[in-house]
Each structure stands twice: as C-alpha cells, then as structure tokens.
Amino acid sequence: MYRYALQFDIVAKNCAEFVRIGNEDDTESGVPFTAEERQKLWDHKDEPFVDTILIYHDEAQDINERIYSLITTEQLRQELEKI
C-alpha cells in the first residue's frame, strides 16, 4: 500500500526504509523488578498506570507461588514415574 502511495505522490518519501531493527538483546535474568524498583513503584502507586503494573506483578508472583506450593518435588517425581 505504501508503494502505491509513493508511486502516486500521495506521500513524499518512505521513512520506513531508514528504520532497522536488530536482534533482541535480552539480558534480563527473569526477575522483572529489583527490590528497589518495587519500592519505587509502591512509592508512586497513585500515579497513572503504576497500580496496574503492581497488580500484574503481584498476580504473577501469586500464581507462581501457588504452583510451586501445590507441587512438591516428591509429587513431581511420582508423576514422572507414571509416564
């Protein structure tokens, strides 16, 4: 569609040709926030969208804690032996 617009002078130039997206460099270890970062969030909980971040973060932790508390190592070993 953009080529069509370019061909018929609807747009002046294709700015997208100058954009390059490299490989994603994910160096995070899976911990979304440090203790200091979480405290900063709590300190600013009344700011727009901070409460949403806190809710999502707490829900994710709760889900993981429930999963790990429900499955003990021994239970997992027994289930794997059945397979």
Protein backbone atom coordinates (compact mmCIF):
# COMPACT_ATOMS: atom_id res chain seq x y z
CA MET A 1 0.00 0.00 0.00
CA TYR A 2 2.84 2.36 0.81
CA ARG A 3 4.44 1.71 -2.57
CA TYR A 4 1.15 2.73 -4.19
CA ALA A 5 1.08 5.96 -2.19
CA LEU A 6 4.71 6.62 -3.10
CA GLN A 7 4.09 5.91 -6.78
CA PHE A 8 1.21 8.37 -7.00
CA ASP A 9 2.88 11.08 -4.87
CA ILE A 10 0.42 10.70 -2.02
CA VAL A 11 3.44 10.62 0.29
CA ALA A 12 6.82 12.27 -0.26
CA LYS A 13 9.17 9.53 0.92
CA ASN A 14 9.29 6.15 2.60
CA CYS A 15 10.63 6.82 6.09
CA ALA A 16 10.40 3.12 6.93
CA GLU A 17 13.35 2.33 4.68
CA PHE A 18 15.60 4.11 7.17
CA VAL A 19 14.45 2.01 10.13
CA ARG A 20 16.49 -1.05 11.04
CA ILE A 21 15.51 -3.47 13.78
CA GLY A 22 18.34 -5.52 15.17
CA ASN A 23 18.23 -8.71 17.17
CA GLU A 24 16.62 -8.51 20.55
CA ASP A 25 19.22 -8.33 23.28
CA ASP A 26 17.52 -9.88 26.27
CA THR A 27 19.99 -9.88 29.14
CA GLU A 28 17.39 -9.97 31.91
CA SER A 29 17.51 -12.95 34.22
CA GLY A 30 13.74 -13.32 34.53
CA VAL A 31 13.34 -11.06 37.56
CA PRO A 32 11.06 -8.22 36.46
CA PHE A 33 11.88 -5.78 39.26
CA THR A 34 14.55 -5.45 41.90
CA ALA A 35 13.51 -4.72 45.50
CA GLU A 36 14.44 -1.06 44.99
CA GLU A 37 12.38 -0.84 41.79
CA ARG A 38 9.38 -2.42 43.52
CA GLN A 39 9.69 0.10 46.33
CA LYS A 40 9.75 2.94 43.79
CA LEU A 41 6.55 1.56 42.28
CA TRP A 42 4.89 1.41 45.69
CA ASP A 43 6.07 4.96 46.44
CA HIS A 44 4.34 6.13 43.23
CA LYS A 45 1.29 3.86 43.37
CA ASP A 46 -1.07 6.83 42.88
CA GLU A 47 0.49 7.73 39.53
CA PRO A 48 -1.41 6.63 36.41
CA PHE A 49 -0.78 3.00 35.40
CA VAL A 50 1.59 2.24 38.31
CA ASP A 51 -1.21 0.47 40.14
CA THR A 52 -1.78 -1.69 37.07
CA ILE A 53 1.89 -2.69 36.96
CA LEU A 54 1.76 -3.57 40.66
CA ILE A 55 -1.38 -5.68 40.16
CA TYR A 56 0.13 -7.62 37.25
CA HIS A 57 3.40 -8.13 39.09
CA ASP A 58 1.71 -9.32 42.29
CA GLU A 59 -0.66 -11.63 40.38
CA ALA A 60 2.25 -13.23 38.52
CA GLN A 61 4.08 -13.83 41.77
CA ASP A 62 0.97 -15.27 43.40
CA ILE A 63 0.39 -17.66 40.51
CA ASN A 64 3.99 -18.89 40.62
CA GLU A 65 3.89 -19.30 44.40
CA ARG A 66 0.66 -21.29 44.18
CA ILE A 67 2.06 -23.57 41.52
CA TYR A 68 5.24 -24.25 43.46
CA SER A 69 3.39 -24.75 46.73
CA LEU A 70 0.99 -27.26 45.15
CA ILE A 71 3.64 -29.42 43.58
CA THR A 72 6.35 -30.80 45.82
CA THR A 73 9.45 -32.45 44.45
CA GLU A 74 8.27 -35.86 45.59
CA GLN A 75 4.87 -35.44 43.93
CA LEU A 76 6.55 -34.40 40.73
CA ARG A 77 8.87 -37.40 40.86
CA GLN A 78 5.88 -39.74 41.34
CA GLU A 79 4.02 -38.21 38.44
CA LEU A 80 7.04 -38.51 36.17
CA GLU A 81 7.45 -42.17 37.08
CA LYS A 82 3.90 -42.82 35.83
CA ILE A 83 4.81 -41.61 32.35
